[in-house]
């Protein structure tokens, strides 16, 4: 599958956006550049080798403080570029509250 045949609407960055890949267990990190992004995934240019890393699931840190991140899974590799899809968080209730709909106001 070519990069251009992806169906989701994407936002491309002219000069890229610096991000950091990090293993779920925190044992490895790789600097990379985000080339484009959609609601479902992103295309990254990795600066160092990814050989031997467990890319089944990892974090993509979008801010230098680590407060903005997405859980990812590797989809494809093409040279120094990789495609990732965003994975839903598996921790129940994490960041999302489930329950009743908000009450309607009488005004």
PDB file of N, CA and C in Angstrom:
ATOM      1  N   UNK A   1       0.852  -1.165   0.000  1.00  0.00           N
ATOM      2  CA  UNK A   1       0.000   0.000   0.000  1.00  0.00           C
ATOM      3  C   UNK A   1       0.902   1.233   0.000  1.00  0.00           C
ATOM      4  N   UNK A   2       0.636   2.154  -0.885  1.00  0.00           N
ATOM      5  CA  UNK A   2       1.456   3.361  -0.943  1.00  0.00           C
ATOM      6  C   UNK A   2       0.974   4.360   0.102  1.00  0.00           C
ATOM      7  N   UNK A   3       1.856   5.293   0.432  1.00  0.00           N
ATOM      8  CA  UNK A   3       1.494   6.314   1.414  1.00  0.00           C
ATOM      9  C   UNK A   3       0.298   7.125   0.922  1.00  0.00           C
ATOM     10  N   UNK A   4       0.216   7.367  -0.371  1.00  0.00           N
ATOM     11  CA  UNK A   4      -0.832   8.222  -0.909  1.00  0.00           C
ATOM     12  C   UNK A   4      -2.182   7.529  -1.017  1.00  0.00           C
ATOM     13  N   UNK A   5      -2.230   6.213  -0.841  1.00  0.00           N
ATOM     14  CA  UNK A   5      -3.506   5.506  -0.967  1.00  0.00           C
ATOM     15  C   UNK A   5      -4.264   5.437   0.359  1.00  0.00           C
ATOM     16  N   UNK A   6      -3.721   6.031   1.414  1.00  0.00           N
ATOM     17  CA  UNK A   6      -4.427   6.056   2.698  1.00  0.00           C
ATOM     18  C   UNK A   6      -5.678   6.902   2.545  1.00  0.00           C
ATOM     19  N   UNK A   7      -6.768   6.463   3.184  1.00  0.00           N
ATOM     20  CA  UNK A   7      -8.062   7.096   2.938  1.00  0.00           C
ATOM     21  C   UNK A   7      -8.404   8.233   3.893  1.00  0.00           C
ATOM     22  N   UNK A   8      -7.869   8.245   5.098  1.00  0.00           N
ATOM     23  CA  UNK A   8      -8.250   9.258   6.088  1.00  0.00           C
ATOM     24  C   UNK A   8      -7.735  10.635   5.684  1.00  0.00           C
ATOM     25  N   UNK A   9      -8.505  11.674   6.033  1.00  0.00           N
ATOM     26  CA  UNK A   9      -8.041  13.041   5.827  1.00  0.00           C
ATOM     27  C   UNK A   9      -6.807  13.255   6.691  1.00  0.00           C
ATOM     28  N   UNK A  10      -5.772  13.855   6.108  1.00  0.00           N
ATOM     29  CA  UNK A  10      -4.503  14.003   6.800  1.00  0.00           C
ATOM     30  C   UNK A  10      -4.060  15.452   6.802  1.00  0.00           C
ATOM     31  N   UNK A  11      -3.310  15.803   7.827  1.00  0.00           N
ATOM     32  CA  UNK A  11      -2.674  17.116   7.904  1.00  0.00           C
ATOM     33  C   UNK A  11      -1.182  16.880   7.737  1.00  0.00           C
ATOM     34  N   UNK A  12      -0.598  17.493   6.711  1.00  0.00           N
ATOM     35  CA  UNK A  12       0.837  17.346   6.459  1.00  0.00           C
ATOM     36  C   UNK A  12       1.573  18.549   7.039  1.00  0.00           C
ATOM     37  N   UNK A  13       2.751  18.302   7.592  1.00  0.00           N
ATOM     38  CA  UNK A  13       3.593  19.357   8.138  1.00  0.00           C
ATOM     39  C   UNK A  13       4.699  19.662   7.145  1.00  0.00           C
ATOM     40  N   UNK A  14       4.818  20.919   6.720  1.00  0.00           N
ATOM     41  CA  UNK A  14       5.793  21.308   5.699  1.00  0.00           C
ATOM     42  C   UNK A  14       7.225  20.948   6.113  1.00  0.00           C
ATOM     43  N   UNK A  15       7.571  21.221   7.356  1.00  0.00           N
ATOM     44  CA  UNK A  15       8.931  20.917   7.816  1.00  0.00           C
ATOM     45  C   UNK A  15       8.952  19.779   8.820  1.00  0.00           C
ATOM     46  N   UNK A  16       7.816  19.154   9.055  1.00  0.00           N
ATOM     47  CA  UNK A  16       7.737  18.085  10.033  1.00  0.00           C
ATOM     48  C   UNK A  16       7.555  18.644  11.432  1.00  0.00           C
ATOM     49  N   UNK A  17       7.223  17.760  12.360  1.00  0.00           N
ATOM     50  CA  UNK A  17       7.004  18.134  13.751  1.00  0.00           C
ATOM     51  C   UNK A  17       7.791  17.157  14.611  1.00  0.00           C
ATOM     52  N   UNK A  18       8.708  17.665  15.430  1.00  0.00           N
ATOM     53  CA  UNK A  18       9.570  16.806  16.249  1.00  0.00           C
ATOM     54  C   UNK A  18       8.762  16.112  17.337  1.00  0.00           C
ATOM     55  N   UNK A  19       8.843  14.778  17.379  1.00  0.00           N
ATOM     56  CA  UNK A  19       8.159  13.968  18.384  1.00  0.00           C
ATOM     57  C   UNK A  19       9.129  12.892  18.868  1.00  0.00           C
ATOM     58  N   UNK A  20       8.699  12.125  19.843  1.00  0.00           N
ATOM     59  CA  UNK A  20       9.545  11.086  20.416  1.00  0.00           C
ATOM     60  C   UNK A  20       8.741   9.799  20.545  1.00  0.00           C
ATOM     61  N   UNK A  21       9.299   8.702  20.044  1.00  0.00           N
ATOM     62  CA  UNK A  21       8.700   7.384  20.251  1.00  0.00           C
ATOM     63  C   UNK A  21       9.282   6.821  21.542  1.00  0.00           C
ATOM     64  N   UNK A  22       8.442   6.164  22.365  1.00  0.00           N
ATOM     65  CA  UNK A  22       8.935   5.585  23.608  1.00  0.00           C
ATOM     66  C   UNK A  22       8.252   4.243  23.845  1.00  0.00           C
ATOM     67  N   UNK A  23       9.020   3.263  24.249  1.00  0.00           N
ATOM     68  CA  UNK A  23       8.479   1.948  24.549  1.00  0.00           C
ATOM     69  C   UNK A  23       7.459   2.022  25.674  1.00  0.00           C
ATOM     70  N   UNK A  24       6.467   1.148  25.643  1.00  0.00           N
ATOM     71  CA  UNK A  24       5.426   1.115  26.663  1.00  0.00           C
ATOM     72  C   UNK A  24       6.038   0.991  28.057  1.00  0.00           C
ATOM     73  N   UNK A  25       7.124   0.220  28.162  1.00  0.00           N
ATOM     74  CA  UNK A  25       7.766   0.030  29.467  1.00  0.00           C
ATOM     75  C   UNK A  25       8.818   1.097  29.766  1.00  0.00           C
ATOM     76  N   UNK A  26       9.013   2.036  28.838  1.00  0.00           N
ATOM     77  CA  UNK A  26       9.957   3.133  29.052  1.00  0.00           C
ATOM     78  C   UNK A  26      11.412   2.776  28.858  1.00  0.00           C
ATOM     79  N   UNK A  27      11.711   1.586  28.326  1.00  0.00           N
ATOM     80  CA  UNK A  27      13.109   1.152  28.200  1.00  0.00           C
ATOM     81  C   UNK A  27      13.818   1.690  26.967  1.00  0.00           C
ATOM     82  N   UNK A  28      13.088   2.239  26.006  1.00  0.00           N
ATOM     83  CA  UNK A  28      13.738   2.804  24.821  1.00  0.00           C
ATOM     84  C   UNK A  28      12.997   4.041  24.349  1.00  0.00           C
ATOM     85  N   UNK A  29      13.747   4.891  23.640  1.00  0.00           N
ATOM     86  CA  UNK A  29      13.193   6.099  23.029  1.00  0.00           C
ATOM     87  C   UNK A  29      13.883   6.314  21.690  1.00  0.00           C
ATOM     88  N   UNK A  30      13.148   6.898  20.749  1.00  0.00           N
ATOM     89  CA  UNK A  30      13.723   7.255  19.456  1.00  0.00           C
ATOM     90  C   UNK A  30      13.158   8.605  19.032  1.00  0.00           C
ATOM     91  N   UNK A  31      14.036   9.563  18.723  1.00  0.00           N
ATOM     92  CA  UNK A  31      13.543  10.835  18.180  1.00  0.00           C
ATOM     93  C   UNK A  31      13.053  10.611  16.759  1.00  0.00           C
ATOM     94  N   UNK A  32      12.001  11.300  16.384  1.00  0.00           N
ATOM     95  CA  UNK A  32      11.503  11.188  15.017  1.00  0.00           C
ATOM     96  C   UNK A  32      10.766  12.466  14.635  1.00  0.00           C
ATOM     97  N   UNK A  33      10.433  12.538  13.371  1.00  0.00           N
ATOM     98  CA  UNK A  33       9.709  13.686  12.838  1.00  0.00           C
ATOM     99  C   UNK A  33       8.369  13.202  12.321  1.00  0.00           C
ATOM    100  N   UNK A  34       7.287  13.845  12.771  1.00  0.00           N
ATOM    101  CA  UNK A  34       5.960  13.505  12.273  1.00  0.00           C
ATOM    102  C   UNK A  34       5.759  14.241  10.958  1.00  0.00           C
ATOM    103  N   UNK A  35       5.539  13.490   9.886  1.00  0.00           N
ATOM    104  CA  UNK A  35       5.375  14.075   8.559  1.00  0.00           C
ATOM    105  C   UNK A  35       3.924  14.423   8.273  1.00  0.00           C
ATOM    106  N   UNK A  36       3.007  13.572   8.730  1.00  0.00           N
ATOM    107  CA  UNK A  36       1.578  13.867   8.616  1.00  0.00           C
ATOM    108  C   UNK A  36       0.821  13.095   9.676  1.00  0.00           C
ATOM    109  N   UNK A  37      -0.437  13.514   9.889  1.00  0.00           N
ATOM    110  CA  UNK A  37      -1.249  12.918  10.949  1.00  0.00           C
ATOM    111  C   UNK A  37      -2.718  12.941  10.536  1.00  0.00           C
ATOM    112  N   UNK A  38      -3.476  11.971  11.037  1.00  0.00           N
ATOM    113  CA  UNK A  38      -4.929  11.934  10.855  1.00  0.00           C
ATOM    114  C   UNK A  38      -5.549  11.554  12.193  1.00  0.00           C
ATOM    115  N   UNK A  39      -6.849  11.396  12.231  1.00  0.00           N
ATOM    116  CA  UNK A  39      -7.504  10.945  13.453  1.00  0.00           C
ATOM    117  C   UNK A  39      -7.095   9.517  13.810  1.00  0.00           C
ATOM    118  N   UNK A  40      -6.693   8.730  12.806  1.00  0.00           N
ATOM    119  CA  UNK A  40      -6.413   7.314  13.010  1.00  0.00           C
ATOM    120  C   UNK A  40      -4.946   6.958  13.149  1.00  0.00           C
ATOM    121  N   UNK A  41      -4.036   7.808  12.658  1.00  0.00           N
ATOM    122  CA  UNK A  41      -2.630   7.444  12.682  1.00  0.00           C
ATOM    123  C   UNK A  41      -1.739   8.552  12.174  1.00  0.00           C
ATOM    124  N   UNK A  42      -0.463   8.203  11.962  1.00  0.00           N
ATOM    125  CA  UNK A  42       0.517   9.197  11.528  1.00  0.00           C
ATOM    126  C   UNK A  42       1.612   8.530  10.710  1.00  0.00           C
ATOM    127  N   UNK A  43       2.347   9.358   9.986  1.00  0.00           N
ATOM    128  CA  UNK A  43       3.533   8.906   9.252  1.00  0.00           C
ATOM    129  C   UNK A  43       4.727   9.597   9.883  1.00  0.00           C
ATOM    130  N   UNK A  44       5.720   8.793  10.285  1.00  0.00           N
ATOM    131  CA  UNK A  44       6.881   9.291  11.008  1.00  0.00           C
ATOM    132  C   UNK A  44       8.161   8.997  10.246  1.00  0.00           C
ATOM    133  N   UNK A  45       9.117   9.894  10.373  1.00  0.00           N
ATOM    134  CA  UNK A  45      10.466   9.657   9.853  1.00  0.00           C
ATOM    135  C   UNK A  45      11.356   9.444  11.067  1.00  0.00           C
ATOM    136  N   UNK A  46      11.904   8.232  11.192  1.00  0.00           N
ATOM    137  CA  UNK A  46      12.686   7.860  12.368  1.00  0.00           C
ATOM    138  C   UNK A  46      14.148   8.194  12.126  1.00  0.00           C
ATOM    139  N   UNK A  47      14.780   8.830  13.113  1.00  0.00           N
ATOM    140  CA  UNK A  47      16.159   9.278  12.967  1.00  0.00           C
ATOM    141  C   UNK A  47      17.173   8.162  13.220  1.00  0.00           C
ATOM    142  N   UNK A  48      16.880   7.236  14.133  1.00  0.00           N
ATOM    143  CA  UNK A  48      17.790   6.141  14.465  1.00  0.00           C
ATOM    144  C   UNK A  48      17.152   4.809  14.082  1.00  0.00           C
ATOM    145  N   UNK A  49      17.919   3.749  14.172  1.00  0.00           N
ATOM    146  CA  UNK A  49      17.427   2.420  13.819  1.00  0.00           C
ATOM    147  C   UNK A  49      16.319   1.967  14.759  1.00  0.00           C
ATOM    148  N   UNK A  50      15.328   1.293  14.193  1.00  0.00           N
ATOM    149  CA  UNK A  50      14.251   0.701  14.999  1.00  0.00           C
ATOM    150  C   UNK A  50      14.395  -0.820  15.068  1.00  0.00           C
ATOM    151  N   UNK A  51      15.472  -1.329  14.508  1.00  0.00           N
ATOM    152  CA  UNK A  51      15.693  -2.767  14.482  1.00  0.00           C
ATOM    153  C   UNK A  51      15.789  -3.314  15.901  1.00  0.00           C
ATOM    154  N   UNK A  52      15.053  -4.381  16.163  1.00  0.00           N
ATOM    155  CA  UNK A  52      15.084  -5.044  17.452  1.00  0.00           C
ATOM    156  C   UNK A  52      14.140  -4.456  18.495  1.00  0.00           C
ATOM    157  N   UNK A  53      13.452  -3.365  18.167  1.00  0.00           N
ATOM    158  CA  UNK A  53      12.525  -2.766  19.120  1.00  0.00           C
ATOM    159  C   UNK A  53      11.154  -3.425  19.009  1.00  0.00           C
ATOM    160  N   UNK A  54      10.447  -3.525  20.127  1.00  0.00           N
ATOM    161  CA  UNK A  54       9.092  -4.056  20.121  1.00  0.00           C
ATOM    162  C   UNK A  54       8.149  -2.918  19.741  1.00  0.00           C
ATOM    163  N   UNK A  55       7.689  -2.913  18.500  1.00  0.00           N
ATOM    164  CA  UNK A  55       6.829  -1.851  18.009  1.00  0.00           C
ATOM    165  C   UNK A  55       5.370  -2.286  17.938  1.00  0.00           C
ATOM    166  N   UNK A  56       5.037  -3.414  18.597  1.00  0.00           N
ATOM    167  CA  UNK A  56       3.638  -3.833  18.645  1.00  0.00           C
ATOM    168  C   UNK A  56       2.805  -2.720  19.268  1.00  0.00           C
ATOM    169  N   UNK A  57       3.284  -2.158  20.377  1.00  0.00           N
ATOM    170  CA  UNK A  57       2.647  -0.993  20.993  1.00  0.00           C
ATOM    171  C   UNK A  57       3.724  -0.114  21.587  1.00  0.00           C
ATOM    172  N   UNK A  58       3.589   1.192  21.398  1.00  0.00           N
ATOM    173  CA  UNK A  58       4.523   2.153  21.960  1.00  0.00           C
ATOM    174  C   UNK A  58       3.801   3.485  22.096  1.00  0.00           C
ATOM    175  N   UNK A  59       4.436   4.425  22.790  1.00  0.00           N
ATOM    176  CA  UNK A  59       3.880   5.758  22.943  1.00  0.00           C
ATOM    177  C   UNK A  59       4.532   6.709  21.952  1.00  0.00           C
ATOM    178  N   UNK A  60       3.737   7.619  21.424  1.00  0.00           N
ATOM    179  CA  UNK A  60       4.240   8.717  20.611  1.00  0.00           C
ATOM    180  C   UNK A  60       4.053   9.973  21.453  1.00  0.00           C
ATOM    181  N   UNK A  61       5.167  10.536  21.954  1.00  0.00           N
ATOM    182  CA  UNK A  61       5.118  11.721  22.802  1.00  0.00           C
ATOM    183  C   UNK A  61       5.087  12.950  21.911  1.00  0.00           C
ATOM    184  N   UNK A  62       4.030  13.735  22.057  1.00  0.00           N
ATOM    185  CA  UNK A  62       3.808  14.885  21.192  1.00  0.00           C
ATOM    186  C   UNK A  62       4.269  16.192  21.815  1.00  0.00           C
ATOM    187  N   UNK A  63       4.622  16.173  23.100  1.00  0.00           N
ATOM    188  CA  UNK A  63       5.102  17.388  23.768  1.00  0.00           C
ATOM    189  C   UNK A  63       6.378  17.060  24.533  1.00  0.00           C
ATOM    190  N   UNK A  64       7.179  18.067  24.787  1.00  0.00           N
ATOM    191  CA  UNK A  64       8.449  17.854  25.474  1.00  0.00           C
ATOM    192  C   UNK A  64       8.246  17.424  26.929  1.00  0.00           C
ATOM    193  N   UNK A  65       7.100  17.735  27.517  1.00  0.00           N
ATOM    194  CA  UNK A  65       6.836  17.341  28.899  1.00  0.00           C
ATOM    195  C   UNK A  65       6.217  15.949  28.991  1.00  0.00           C
ATOM    196  N   UNK A  66       5.794  15.386  27.867  1.00  0.00           N
ATOM    197  CA  UNK A  66       5.189  14.056  27.866  1.00  0.00           C
ATOM    198  C   UNK A  66       3.724  14.050  28.243  1.00  0.00           C
ATOM    199  N   UNK A  67       3.121  15.227  28.402  1.00  0.00           N
ATOM    200  CA  UNK A  67       1.718  15.288  28.794  1.00  0.00           C
ATOM    201  C   UNK A  67       0.770  15.046  27.625  1.00  0.00           C
ATOM    202  N   UNK A  68       1.231  15.238  26.414  1.00  0.00           N
ATOM    203  CA  UNK A  68       0.415  14.943  25.225  1.00  0.00           C
ATOM    204  C   UNK A  68       1.042  13.736  24.532  1.00  0.00           C
ATOM    205  N   UNK A  69       0.302  12.652  24.473  1.00  0.00           N
ATOM    206  CA  UNK A  69       0.836  11.443  23.860  1.00  0.00           C
ATOM    207  C   UNK A  69      -0.293  10.609  23.281  1.00  0.00           C
ATOM    208  N   UNK A  70       0.085   9.686  22.395  1.00  0.00           N
ATOM    209  CA  UNK A  70      -0.861   8.719  21.837  1.00  0.00           C
ATOM    210  C   UNK A  70      -0.219   7.338  21.914  1.00  0.00           C
ATOM    211  N   UNK A  71      -1.040   6.330  22.172  1.00  0.00           N
ATOM    212  CA  UNK A  71      -0.579   4.944  22.138  1.00  0.00           C
ATOM    213  C   UNK A  71      -0.660   4.499  20.680  1.00  0.00           C
ATOM    214  N   UNK A  72       0.410   3.890  20.165  1.00  0.00           N
ATOM    215  CA  UNK A  72       0.504   3.557  18.741  1.00  0.00           C
ATOM    216  C   UNK A  72       0.863   2.101  18.513  1.00  0.00           C
ATOM    217  N   UNK A  73       0.638   1.681  17.264  1.00  0.00           N
ATOM    218  CA  UNK A  73       1.015   0.357  16.788  1.00  0.00           C
ATOM    219  C   UNK A  73       1.592   0.522  15.393  1.00  0.00           C
ATOM    220  N   UNK A  74       2.681  -0.177  15.108  1.00  0.00           N
ATOM    221  CA  UNK A  74       3.319  -0.112  13.793  1.00  0.00           C
ATOM    222  C   UNK A  74       2.422  -0.726  12.726  1.00  0.00           C
ATOM    223  N   UNK A  75       2.293  -0.029  11.578  1.00  0.00           N
ATOM    224  CA  UNK A  75       1.484  -0.527  10.475  1.00  0.00           C
ATOM    225  C   UNK A  75       2.372  -0.896   9.283  1.00  0.00           C
ATOM    226  N   UNK A  76       3.334  -0.028   8.953  1.00  0.00           N
ATOM    227  CA  UNK A  76       4.193  -0.290   7.795  1.00  0.00           C
ATOM    228  C   UNK A  76       5.541   0.385   7.975  1.00  0.00           C
ATOM    229  N   UNK A  77       6.539  -0.121   7.261  1.00  0.00           N
ATOM    230  CA  UNK A  77       7.886   0.454   7.259  1.00  0.00           C
ATOM    231  C   UNK A  77       8.304   0.646   5.814  1.00  0.00           C
ATOM    232  N   UNK A  78       8.871   1.817   5.510  1.00  0.00           N
ATOM    233  CA  UNK A  78       9.394   2.107   4.176  1.00  0.00           C
ATOM    234  C   UNK A  78      10.668   2.923   4.355  1.00  0.00           C
ATOM    235  N   UNK A  79      11.807   2.226   4.442  1.00  0.00           N
ATOM    236  CA  UNK A  79      13.075   2.911   4.679  1.00  0.00           C
ATOM    237  C   UNK A  79      13.092   3.527   6.065  1.00  0.00           C
ATOM    238  N   UNK A  80      13.319   4.858   6.132  1.00  0.00           N
ATOM    239  CA  UNK A  80      13.340   5.529   7.439  1.00  0.00           C
ATOM    240  C   UNK A  80      11.966   6.078   7.835  1.00  0.00           C
ATOM    241  N   UNK A  81      10.934   5.788   7.034  1.00  0.00           N
ATOM    242  CA  UNK A  81       9.574   6.233   7.352  1.00  0.00           C
ATOM    243  C   UNK A  81       8.734   5.060   7.823  1.00  0.00           C
ATOM    244  N   UNK A  82       7.925   5.312   8.859  1.00  0.00           N
ATOM    245  CA  UNK A  82       7.019   4.281   9.345  1.00  0.00           C
ATOM    246  C   UNK A  82       5.606   4.848   9.419  1.00  0.00           C
ATOM    247  N   UNK A  83       4.643   3.980   9.258  1.00  0.00           N
ATOM    248  CA  UNK A  83       3.246   4.342   9.435  1.00  0.00           C
ATOM    249  C   UNK A  83       2.758   3.726  10.730  1.00  0.00           C
ATOM    250  N   UNK A  84       2.047   4.499  11.529  1.00  0.00           N
ATOM    251  CA  UNK A  84       1.514   4.000  12.797  1.00  0.00           C
ATOM    252  C   UNK A  84       0.020   4.262  12.862  1.00  0.00           C
ATOM    253  N   UNK A  85      -0.679   3.401  13.587  1.00  0.00           N
ATOM    254  CA  UNK A  85      -2.093   3.670  13.852  1.00  0.00           C
ATOM    255  C   UNK A  85      -2.235   3.919  15.334  1.00  0.00           C
ATOM    256  N   UNK A  86      -3.183   4.784  15.677  1.00  0.00           N
ATOM    257  CA  UNK A  86      -3.439   5.098  17.068  1.00  0.00           C
ATOM    258  C   UNK A  86      -4.334   4.020  17.652  1.00  0.00           C
ATOM    259  N   UNK A  87      -4.004   3.575  18.858  1.00  0.00           N
ATOM    260  CA  UNK A  87      -4.704   2.500  19.534  1.00  0.00           C
ATOM    261  C   UNK A  87      -5.461   3.090  20.721  1.00  0.00           C
ATOM    262  N   UNK A  88      -6.682   2.617  20.932  1.00  0.00           N
ATOM    263  CA  UNK A  88      -7.462   3.063  22.088  1.00  0.00           C
ATOM    264  C   UNK A  88      -6.788   2.595  23.364  1.00  0.00           C
ATOM    265  N   UNK A  89      -6.858   3.406  24.389  1.00  0.00           N
ATOM    266  CA  UNK A  89      -6.294   3.065  25.687  1.00  0.00           C
ATOM    267  C   UNK A  89      -7.070   1.892  26.270  1.00  0.00           C
ATOM    268  N   UNK A  90      -6.366   0.899  26.783  1.00  0.00           N
ATOM    269  CA  UNK A  90      -7.004  -0.315  27.288  1.00  0.00           C
ATOM    270  C   UNK A  90      -7.346  -0.239  28.767  1.00  0.00           C
ATOM    271  N   UNK A  91      -6.984   0.843  29.437  1.00  0.00           N
ATOM    272  CA  UNK A  91      -7.283   0.981  30.860  1.00  0.00           C
ATOM    273  C   UNK A  91      -8.704   1.512  30.985  1.00  0.00           C
ATOM    274  N   UNK A  92      -9.619   0.755  31.592  1.00  0.00           N
ATOM    275  CA  UNK A  92     -11.009   1.199  31.691  1.00  0.00           C
ATOM    276  C   UNK A  92     -11.120   2.539  32.416  1.00  0.00           C
ATOM    277  N   UNK A  93     -11.896   3.445  31.814  1.00  0.00           N
ATOM    278  CA  UNK A  93     -12.146   4.733  32.438  1.00  0.00           C
ATOM    279  C   UNK A  93     -11.003   5.716  32.357  1.00  0.00           C
ATOM    280  N   UNK A  94      -9.890   5.345  31.751  1.00  0.00           N
ATOM    281  CA  UNK A  94      -8.740   6.230  31.674  1.00  0.00           C
ATOM    282  C   UNK A  94      -9.027   7.377  30.707  1.00  0.00           C
ATOM    283  N   UNK A  95      -9.009   8.603  31.190  1.00  0.00           N
ATOM    284  CA  UNK A  95      -9.216   9.833  30.432  1.00  0.00           C
ATOM    285  C   UNK A  95     -10.646  10.019  29.947  1.00  0.00           C
ATOM    286  N   UNK A  96     -11.479   9.008  29.996  1.00  0.00           N
ATOM    287  CA  UNK A  96     -12.852   9.129  29.507  1.00  0.00           C
ATOM    288  C   UNK A  96     -13.790   8.678  30.598  1.00  0.00           C
ATOM    289  N   UNK A  97     -14.774   9.475  30.886  1.00  0.00           N
ATOM    290  CA  UNK A  97     -15.761   9.085  31.891  1.00  0.00           C
ATOM    291  C   UNK A  97     -16.973   8.510  31.181  1.00  0.00           C
ATOM    292  N   UNK A  98     -17.402   7.362  31.653  1.00  0.00           N
ATOM    293  CA  UNK A  98     -18.610   6.748  31.116  1.00  0.00           C
ATOM    294  C   UNK A  98     -19.713   6.934  32.146  1.00  0.00           C
ATOM    295  N   UNK A  99     -20.902   7.032  31.689  1.00  0.00           N
ATOM    296  CA  UNK A  99     -21.990   7.162  32.645  1.00  0.00           C
ATOM    297  C   UNK A  99     -23.164   7.883  32.017  1.00  0.00           C
ATOM    298  N   UNK A 100     -23.899   8.570  32.876  1.00  0.00           N
ATOM    299  CA  UNK A 100     -25.116   9.236  32.447  1.00  0.00           C
ATOM    300  C   UNK A 100     -24.817  10.431  31.568  1.00  0.00           C
ATOM    301  N   UNK A 101     -25.796  10.748  30.754  1.00  0.00           N
ATOM    302  CA  UNK A 101     -25.718  11.963  29.954  1.00  0.00           C
ATOM    303  C   UNK A 101     -25.936  13.148  30.889  1.00  0.00           C
ATOM    304  N   UNK A 102     -25.363  14.305  30.580  1.00  0.00           N
ATOM    305  CA  UNK A 102     -25.561  15.463  31.443  1.00  0.00           C
ATOM    306  C   UNK A 102     -27.040  15.838  31.527  1.00  0.00           C
ATOM    307  N   UNK A 103     -27.428  16.328  32.690  1.00  0.00           N
ATOM    308  CA  UNK A 103     -28.823  16.716  32.909  1.00  0.00           C
ATOM    309  C   UNK A 103     -29.150  17.953  32.072  1.00  0.00           C
ATOM    310  N   UNK A 104     -30.383  17.986  31.565  1.00  0.00           N
ATOM    311  CA  UNK A 104     -30.820  19.148  30.799  1.00  0.00           C
ATOM    312  C   UNK A 104     -31.167  20.282  31.729  1.00  0.00           C
ATOM    313  N   UNK A 105     -30.836  21.485  31.322  1.00  0.00           N
ATOM    314  CA  UNK A 105     -31.185  22.638  32.157  1.00  0.00           C
ATOM    315  C   UNK A 105     -32.598  23.078  31.811  1.00  0.00           C
ATOM    316  N   UNK A 106     -33.289  23.666  32.777  1.00  0.00           N
ATOM    317  CA  UNK A 106     -34.660  24.110  32.566  1.00  0.00           C
ATOM    318  C   UNK A 106     -34.732  25.492  31.942  1.00  0.00           C
ATOM    319  N   UNK A 107     -33.598  26.171  31.759  1.00  0.00           N
ATOM    320  CA  UNK A 107     -33.650  27.529  31.219  1.00  0.00           C
ATOM    321  C   UNK A 107     -33.776  27.542  29.735  1.00  0.00           C
TER     322      UNK A 107
END
